[in-house]
Amino acid sequence: MSAQRALVLGAAGQLGKACMDCAPEMVAAEGFSRATCDVTDDWALRRVMEEVDPHVVINAAAYTAVDAAEDDAESADAVNANAPAMLGALCAQRGLRLVHISTDFIFDGRAPRPYAPGANPSPLGVYGASKRRGEQAVLASGASHAVVRTSWVYGPGGRNFVLTMLRLMREQGRVRVVNDQIGSPTSARGLAKICWLLALDEDASGVFHWSDAGAISWYDFACGIHDEALALGLLSAPATIEPIPTEAFPTKAQRPAYSVLDCNDTCSTLNVAQQPWRDALRDMLRSQQQLEEAV
């Protein structure tokens, strides 16, 4: 059986890297970063489609600067809405399967329970609205597709909450973290594995939710990072972690107060189980430790 060819867009980001690192053996994956394929450029997308001639496309490219998006809706829309529309159209034309990554920010955070894939989207800001338009474009494209909503993604060697907390704990010994925004962390590697399962299962169609198991606050997450990093020796001394309300840490963009995703449908469709968030965090920090030791 010949290998499936896959195109991974956004391959320099933490999810894109994870997708490249854990591509299945039967897949020949080629990754393109923003530098090698600008997803907002229709000609560039057509060029890499011709070059790779893929069976499946994973779109991990995104404009994720949530606060900056409030002042630059045009850039957010170009990457998060217009690019998925172009990709969807190209995949439909070529008969390709498209896995597109979306976000918990399409919800307003007012739900009393985890958001199911069919829950009503109501984004609070420019970033969430742009991602929702991207979802809609893919769903309406006519291409074989899976839209994967996720939350609080992190991985080794990237720019994310885990590594920011680790740096601040090392440098300052004290951090202040909001304790009234509730969600679920997601390991980039675990998410990448779900993306590949969906990429190779053409019967799985529509919207899927994925995160690691557990509903926690950013403060809880910071405490977990602290304890696991201390146990691994990534922190040389304990740090102080102070819980604060959202109002004490104002940001330009409003965040959903509750954005836990219901992943039950994904688990049953793919016959998988969510990893507890603390276990996934420990695995990531071990990978981070190896990276730092190699420097």
Foldseek 3Di string as FASTA:
>chain_A
DAAFEEEEEQLVAQLNVLLVVPPDPSYDYDYDHCVQAPLLDLVSVVVVCVVRVGQEYEYPDADDPFQVCQVVLPVRLSTQANSLLSVLQVQQVSQHEYEYEAELQQDQQPDPDAAELPDDGDHQGSNSVSNVNSQVSNQPSNHLYEYEYEYQEDFAPHDHDLVVLLVCCQPPLEEEFEFQAKEAHAYSNVVSVLSNLSNPDSVDGDYAYDGADDIGGSLVVSVLSQVLCVVVVSHVDHGHYHYDHQVVPDGNTDGRSYRYHDHVVSCVVSVHHHHHRSVSSNVRVVVNVVVVVVD
